[in-house]
């Protein structure tokens, strides 16, 4: 039989198309007119700056961490803490738990702040401080005030000091420990993080606080409707100045190393801020970042519109030379399902 001849017919399969999604997701454009370089939805893939798609690695929960929540790692990565139920534990070697004791009631998210090697923690109802020595002490203590001398009207100012309240969104700024309860921002005495003056050591916010954090020259405060900046170091002279309408989704805040974000996006009048950390949060318009002087930048402006969320938990991931902000959110949609959204990848 004569040898078979190659077919002259064109392939019947779908044509191959080179796709590049280096610009990330675009939610606001018409679905039939997505700009080049964008994707409508990308699930379980990382996208490099050149647009290359790579499947994300799988993770598995270690058996020792079942029931764990509120994990935290120190700035130098020497200490990792996690709560398993109500018990504070130190994570050793990635899987071994050192049990330190039960210090929290319930399972509410715990917030941490490191000050001079000591780690303060509170979920707004309970808390404590893990000293650098390894001992755990109460959060907020009553000052020892000597008895007032007879026949004297001299008042010891310590009589007005109260234990520092249990707070959420803990932050160390201007020599004081700061935290939030509802719409009230509390701060400790200078260099005395256990106590505050109940007469003066608080600031009222114009609404329920959904995010609170520090930068080098002030504090960011987000309510349900808007974002404010508190400038300065003297609480007696501080005032809230509105700086953005991109309010934070409850609990979605995260600190970013400066080299993890696009410096051009942070430029103001041609000058780029050189800061060690920037304060970021998830809004309905995507990821926002606050830098010194109360300057807010939306890193996903005109590209992302998110549905209403009731709460979120954000984390910074560093992997293979890239940073990502991943926000796991609680949806308030009718399906009651949770969803996750992450930021575009930025090189370090």
Protein backbone atom coordinates (compact mmCIF):
# COMPACT_ATOMS: atom_id res chain seq x y z
CA UNK A 1 0.00 0.00 0.00
CA UNK A 2 1.26 3.48 -0.73
CA UNK A 3 2.46 5.42 2.30
CA UNK A 4 -0.11 7.65 3.87
CA UNK A 5 0.09 11.29 2.97
CA UNK A 6 -0.05 14.14 5.52
CA UNK A 7 -3.49 15.63 5.84
CA UNK A 8 -3.94 19.04 4.26
CA UNK A 9 -6.92 19.85 6.47
CA UNK A 10 -6.58 22.58 9.12
CA UNK A 11 -6.62 21.50 12.79
CA UNK A 12 -10.11 21.21 14.17
CA UNK A 13 -9.20 22.17 17.80
CA UNK A 14 -9.58 25.64 19.26
CA UNK A 15 -6.91 28.13 18.25
CA UNK A 16 -4.16 28.80 20.79
CA UNK A 17 -4.09 32.29 22.25
CA UNK A 18 -1.25 33.88 24.17
CA UNK A 19 -2.68 35.38 27.34
CA UNK A 20 -0.97 37.80 29.69
CA UNK A 21 -2.60 39.01 32.89
CA UNK A 22 0.25 40.97 34.44
CA UNK A 23 -2.11 43.87 35.21
CA UNK A 24 -4.23 41.67 37.51
CA UNK A 25 -8.02 41.56 37.77
CA UNK A 26 -10.35 44.21 36.36
CA UNK A 27 -13.86 44.24 37.84
CA UNK A 28 -15.16 47.61 36.69
CA UNK A 29 -14.89 47.33 32.90
CA UNK A 30 -17.65 45.80 30.80
CA UNK A 31 -17.18 42.03 30.64
CA UNK A 32 -16.98 42.19 26.84
CA UNK A 33 -14.30 44.90 26.88
CA UNK A 34 -11.68 43.93 29.45
CA UNK A 35 -8.54 46.02 28.77
CA UNK A 36 -5.50 44.11 27.47
CA UNK A 37 -3.36 42.64 30.24
CA UNK A 38 -6.26 42.23 32.69
CA UNK A 39 -8.34 39.23 33.71
CA UNK A 40 -11.90 39.22 34.99
CA UNK A 41 -11.31 36.51 37.58
CA UNK A 42 -8.23 34.48 38.43
CA UNK A 43 -8.56 31.71 41.02
CA UNK A 44 -5.75 29.74 42.65
CA UNK A 45 -3.06 31.17 40.40
CA UNK A 46 -0.19 33.56 41.00
CA UNK A 47 0.44 36.14 38.27
CA UNK A 48 3.94 37.44 37.71
CA UNK A 49 4.62 40.98 36.47
CA UNK A 50 5.20 39.52 33.00
CA UNK A 51 1.76 37.86 33.10
CA UNK A 52 2.89 34.27 33.62
CA UNK A 53 0.36 32.11 35.48
CA UNK A 54 1.61 29.67 38.10
CA UNK A 55 -0.52 27.42 40.29
CA UNK A 56 -0.34 28.20 43.95
CA UNK A 57 1.25 25.67 46.31
CA UNK A 58 -0.97 23.58 48.53
CA UNK A 59 -0.91 23.99 52.30
CA UNK A 60 -1.97 21.53 54.95
CA UNK A 61 -2.94 22.33 58.53
CA UNK A 62 -0.65 20.66 61.04
CA UNK A 63 -2.63 18.49 63.50
CA UNK A 64 -1.21 20.44 66.45
CA UNK A 65 -2.79 23.64 65.09
CA UNK A 66 -6.35 22.39 64.80
CA UNK A 67 -8.54 24.96 66.51
CA UNK A 68 -5.77 27.54 66.28
CA UNK A 69 -6.35 31.22 65.53
CA UNK A 70 -4.71 34.64 65.76
CA UNK A 71 -1.20 33.62 64.71
CA UNK A 72 1.50 36.30 65.04
CA UNK A 73 5.23 36.48 64.29
CA UNK A 74 7.68 39.02 65.68
CA UNK A 75 9.49 41.47 63.43
CA UNK A 76 12.73 39.48 63.58
CA UNK A 77 10.83 36.17 63.10
CA UNK A 78 12.24 34.80 66.36
CA UNK A 79 8.87 34.39 68.10
CA UNK A 80 5.65 32.93 66.68
CA UNK A 81 2.54 32.89 68.86
CA UNK A 82 -0.85 31.32 68.27
CA UNK A 83 -3.98 30.73 70.32
CA UNK A 84 -5.46 27.25 70.39
CA UNK A 85 -8.90 27.88 71.76
CA UNK A 86 -8.27 30.06 74.82
CA UNK A 87 -4.66 28.98 75.36
CA UNK A 88 -1.62 31.01 74.34
CA UNK A 89 1.04 28.86 72.67
CA UNK A 90 4.47 29.45 71.24
CA UNK A 91 5.18 27.68 67.96
CA UNK A 92 8.54 25.90 67.90
CA UNK A 93 10.03 24.43 64.76
CA UNK A 94 6.89 25.06 62.78
CA UNK A 95 4.78 22.29 64.34
CA UNK A 96 5.56 21.89 68.05
CA UNK A 97 3.48 23.92 70.52
CA UNK A 98 4.78 25.23 73.83
CA UNK A 99 1.70 25.82 75.98
CA UNK A 100 1.95 29.03 78.00
CA UNK A 101 -1.49 29.12 79.65
CA UNK A 102 -5.11 30.16 79.09
CA UNK A 103 -5.42 33.95 78.94
CA UNK A 104 -8.34 34.62 76.57
CA UNK A 105 -12.03 33.83 76.94
CA UNK A 106 -13.87 32.89 73.77
CA UNK A 107 -12.36 32.73 70.30
CA UNK A 108 -12.35 36.40 69.31
CA UNK A 109 -9.38 37.52 67.22
CA UNK A 110 -6.36 38.48 69.30
CA UNK A 111 -4.23 41.53 68.44
CA UNK A 112 -0.54 41.82 69.28
CA UNK A 113 2.04 44.57 69.68
CA UNK A 114 5.74 44.15 70.40
CA UNK A 115 7.43 46.75 72.62
CA UNK A 116 11.09 46.35 73.57
CA UNK A 117 10.94 42.56 73.38
CA UNK A 118 7.66 42.28 75.32
CA UNK A 119 4.55 41.16 73.41
CA UNK A 120 1.22 42.68 74.44
CA UNK A 121 -1.93 40.85 73.36
CA UNK A 122 -5.67 41.42 73.75
CA UNK A 123 -8.93 40.55 72.03
CA UNK A 124 -10.80 43.46 73.60
CA UNK A 125 -12.13 41.38 76.48
CA UNK A 126 -9.01 39.73 77.93
CA UNK A 127 -5.30 39.94 77.42
CA UNK A 128 -1.81 39.86 78.83
CA UNK A 129 1.84 40.59 78.12
CA UNK A 130 4.48 37.99 77.29
CA UNK A 131 7.71 39.33 78.72
CA UNK A 132 11.04 38.81 76.98
CA UNK A 133 11.94 36.55 79.92
CA UNK A 134 9.12 34.16 78.98
CA UNK A 135 6.81 35.08 81.85
CA UNK A 136 3.19 36.08 81.11
CA UNK A 137 1.70 38.93 83.16
CA UNK A 138 -1.72 40.64 83.27
CA UNK A 139 -2.67 43.27 80.70
CA UNK A 140 -3.28 46.48 82.65
CA UNK A 141 -2.50 46.78 86.34
CA UNK A 142 -3.68 49.04 89.16
CA UNK A 143 -0.98 51.47 90.29
CA UNK A 144 0.28 51.26 93.84
CA UNK A 145 -0.61 54.55 95.54
CA UNK A 146 0.73 55.26 99.04
CA UNK A 147 -1.84 56.46 101.63
CA UNK A 148 -2.43 60.19 101.57
CA UNK A 149 -0.75 61.99 104.45
CA UNK A 150 -3.03 63.24 107.20
CA UNK A 151 -4.13 66.88 107.11
CA UNK A 152 -2.95 67.42 103.53
CA UNK A 153 -4.75 68.29 100.33
CA UNK A 154 -1.88 67.18 98.10
CA UNK A 155 -3.20 64.61 95.65
CA UNK A 156 -1.00 61.91 94.21
CA UNK A 157 -1.70 61.88 90.48
CA UNK A 158 -1.51 58.10 90.51
CA UNK A 159 -4.91 58.14 92.20
CA UNK A 160 -6.39 58.96 88.78
CA UNK A 161 -4.64 56.14 86.95
CA UNK A 162 -6.57 53.01 85.98
CA UNK A 163 -5.49 49.75 84.39
CA UNK A 164 -5.06 50.08 80.64
CA UNK A 165 -8.33 48.77 79.10
CA UNK A 166 -8.40 45.60 77.04
CA UNK A 167 -8.36 46.80 73.43
CA UNK A 168 -8.28 45.71 69.83
CA UNK A 169 -5.91 47.01 67.09
CA UNK A 170 -2.98 47.43 69.48
CA UNK A 171 -0.30 49.90 68.34
CA UNK A 172 2.84 51.39 69.87
CA UNK A 173 3.24 55.05 68.98
CA UNK A 174 4.89 58.12 70.59
CA UNK A 175 5.97 56.16 73.64
CA UNK A 176 2.47 54.91 74.43
CA UNK A 177 0.39 51.78 73.89
CA UNK A 178 -2.78 52.49 71.91
CA UNK A 179 -5.92 50.44 71.32
CA UNK A 180 -9.61 50.66 70.43
CA UNK A 181 -12.95 49.77 71.99
CA UNK A 182 -15.92 50.48 69.71
CA UNK A 183 -15.65 54.18 68.81
CA UNK A 184 -13.10 55.07 71.51
CA UNK A 185 -9.32 55.16 71.12
CA UNK A 186 -7.46 54.61 74.39
CA UNK A 187 -3.79 55.31 75.05
CA UNK A 188 -1.52 54.57 78.00
CA UNK A 189 0.63 56.86 80.04
CA UNK A 190 4.00 57.65 78.39
CA UNK A 191 6.36 54.69 78.86
CA UNK A 192 3.85 53.18 81.29
CA UNK A 193 1.89 50.77 79.12
CA UNK A 194 -0.04 49.18 82.00
CA UNK A 195 -2.02 52.27 83.05
CA UNK A 196 -3.89 55.26 81.65
CA UNK A 197 -5.56 58.36 83.06
CA UNK A 198 -9.29 57.70 82.81
CA UNK A 199 -9.97 61.47 82.71
CA UNK A 200 -7.96 62.35 79.61
CA UNK A 201 -6.29 59.34 77.94
CA UNK A 202 -8.82 58.68 75.19
CA UNK A 203 -10.03 60.09 71.86
CA UNK A 204 -13.54 59.66 70.46
CA UNK A 205 -13.84 58.66 66.81
CA UNK A 206 -16.87 59.75 64.74
CA UNK A 207 -18.13 56.20 64.39
CA UNK A 208 -17.35 52.56 65.04
CA UNK A 209 -13.65 51.94 64.29
CA UNK A 210 -12.96 49.23 61.68
CA UNK A 211 -9.17 49.70 61.36
CA UNK A 212 -6.48 51.45 63.38
CA UNK A 213 -2.73 51.59 62.88
CA UNK A 214 0.42 53.68 63.02
CA UNK A 215 2.92 55.19 60.63
CA UNK A 216 6.01 57.22 61.47
CA UNK A 217 4.23 60.54 62.11
CA UNK A 218 0.69 59.63 63.07
CA UNK A 219 -2.18 57.18 63.31
CA UNK A 220 -4.79 56.05 60.80
CA UNK A 221 -8.37 55.57 62.00
CA UNK A 222 -11.05 54.10 59.75
CA UNK A 223 -14.73 54.10 60.59
CA UNK A 224 -17.48 52.37 58.63
CA UNK A 225 -17.80 55.44 56.37
CA UNK A 226 -14.40 57.18 56.09
CA UNK A 227 -10.73 57.27 57.07
CA UNK A 228 -9.04 59.82 59.35
CA UNK A 229 -5.44 60.67 60.18
CA UNK A 230 -4.20 61.74 63.61
CA UNK A 231 -0.98 63.73 63.32
CA UNK A 232 1.60 64.55 66.00
CA UNK A 233 2.92 63.01 69.20
CA UNK A 234 1.15 65.02 71.93
CA UNK A 235 -2.34 63.58 72.54
CA UNK A 236 -3.51 66.91 73.98
CA UNK A 237 -2.96 68.54 70.58
CA UNK A 238 -4.14 65.71 68.34
CA UNK A 239 -7.20 65.94 66.11
CA UNK A 240 -8.77 63.66 63.53
CA UNK A 241 -8.49 64.95 59.95
CA UNK A 242 -10.39 63.17 57.20
CA UNK A 243 -8.08 61.79 54.52
CA UNK A 244 -10.10 59.24 52.49
CA UNK A 245 -13.56 57.88 51.72
CA UNK A 246 -12.15 54.37 51.17
CA UNK A 247 -13.23 53.00 54.53
CA UNK A 248 -11.73 49.75 55.77
CA UNK A 249 -13.56 46.46 55.91
CA UNK A 250 -13.65 45.46 59.58
CA UNK A 251 -10.36 43.89 60.79
CA UNK A 252 -8.76 43.87 57.30
CA UNK A 253 -5.65 45.87 58.20
CA UNK A 254 -2.05 44.76 57.64
CA UNK A 255 1.38 46.41 57.75
CA UNK A 256 3.47 46.31 54.57
CA UNK A 257 7.24 46.66 54.24
CA UNK A 258 7.93 49.70 52.09
CA UNK A 259 9.79 47.65 49.48
CA UNK A 260 6.70 45.50 48.90
CA UNK A 261 4.74 48.27 47.16
CA UNK A 262 5.24 50.23 43.97
CA UNK A 263 7.14 53.37 44.99
CA UNK A 264 5.72 55.32 42.05
CA UNK A 265 2.22 54.68 43.39
CA UNK A 266 3.27 56.31 46.65
CA UNK A 267 4.95 59.35 45.12
CA UNK A 268 3.52 62.71 46.20
CA UNK A 269 4.47 65.71 44.06
CA UNK A 270 7.41 63.73 42.72
CA UNK A 271 8.78 62.82 46.16
CA UNK A 272 8.75 59.22 47.31
CA UNK A 273 8.35 58.41 50.98
CA UNK A 274 11.07 56.22 52.43
CA UNK A 275 9.36 54.46 55.33
CA UNK A 276 9.98 51.11 56.96
CA UNK A 277 6.31 50.17 57.17
CA UNK A 278 3.10 51.38 55.59
CA UNK A 279 -0.44 50.78 56.89
CA UNK A 280 -2.82 49.02 54.51
CA UNK A 281 -6.44 47.89 54.56
CA UNK A 282 -9.07 46.34 52.30
CA UNK A 283 -11.84 48.63 51.12
CA UNK A 284 -14.75 48.28 48.71
CA UNK A 285 -12.36 49.64 46.06
CA UNK A 286 -9.60 47.13 46.82
CA UNK A 287 -6.32 47.52 48.65
CA UNK A 288 -5.54 50.95 50.11
CA UNK A 289 -2.29 52.07 51.70
CA UNK A 290 -1.65 54.90 54.14
CA UNK A 291 1.79 56.49 54.34
CA UNK A 292 3.13 59.35 56.50
CA UNK A 293 1.42 62.74 56.49
CA UNK A 294 -2.01 61.19 56.04
CA UNK A 295 -1.54 60.44 52.33
CA UNK A 296 -3.72 57.54 51.15
CA UNK A 297 -3.21 55.69 47.88
CA UNK A 298 -5.60 53.13 46.38
CA UNK A 299 -3.37 50.54 44.70
CA UNK A 300 -6.28 49.07 42.75
CA UNK A 301 -8.13 52.26 41.78
CA UNK A 302 -10.56 51.89 38.85
CA UNK A 303 -9.76 48.18 38.63
CA UNK A 304 -11.59 46.52 41.51
CA UNK A 305 -15.03 46.88 43.05
CA UNK A 306 -15.75 44.42 45.83
CA UNK A 307 -19.16 43.39 47.16
CA UNK A 308 -20.03 44.32 50.76
CA UNK A 309 -18.09 42.32 53.31
CA UNK A 310 -18.75 42.15 57.02
CA UNK A 311 -15.22 41.28 58.13
CA UNK A 312 -11.83 40.31 56.72
CA UNK A 313 -8.48 38.98 57.87
CA UNK A 314 -5.48 40.13 55.85
CA UNK A 315 -1.94 38.77 55.82
CA UNK A 316 1.27 39.58 53.98
CA UNK A 317 2.88 36.65 52.17
CA UNK A 318 6.47 36.67 50.91
CA UNK A 319 7.27 33.87 48.50
CA UNK A 320 9.89 33.44 45.77
CA UNK A 321 10.85 37.11 45.82
CA UNK A 322 7.26 38.34 45.60
CA UNK A 323 4.87 39.87 48.13
CA UNK A 324 1.14 39.37 48.20
CA UNK A 325 -1.63 40.63 50.44
CA UNK A 326 -4.23 37.91 50.90
CA UNK A 327 -7.57 38.85 52.48
CA UNK A 328 -9.92 36.09 53.61
CA UNK A 329 -13.32 37.70 53.95
CA UNK A 330 -16.74 36.99 55.41
CA UNK A 331 -19.36 37.74 52.81
CA UNK A 332 -22.67 39.26 53.80
CA UNK A 333 -24.25 38.15 50.55
CA UNK A 334 -27.42 36.03 50.48
CA UNK A 335 -25.47 32.82 49.88
CA UNK A 336 -23.59 33.25 53.18
CA UNK A 337 -20.42 31.88 51.60
CA UNK A 338 -16.91 33.12 52.26
CA UNK A 339 -14.61 34.33 49.51
CA UNK A 340 -10.95 35.34 49.19
CA UNK A 341 -9.32 38.11 47.20
CA UNK A 342 -5.64 38.86 46.90
CA UNK A 343 -3.61 41.78 45.63
CA UNK A 344 -1.60 41.99 42.44
CA UNK A 345 1.91 40.64 42.89
CA UNK A 346 4.66 43.21 43.41
CA UNK A 347 8.35 42.49 43.27
CA UNK A 348 10.60 43.03 46.25
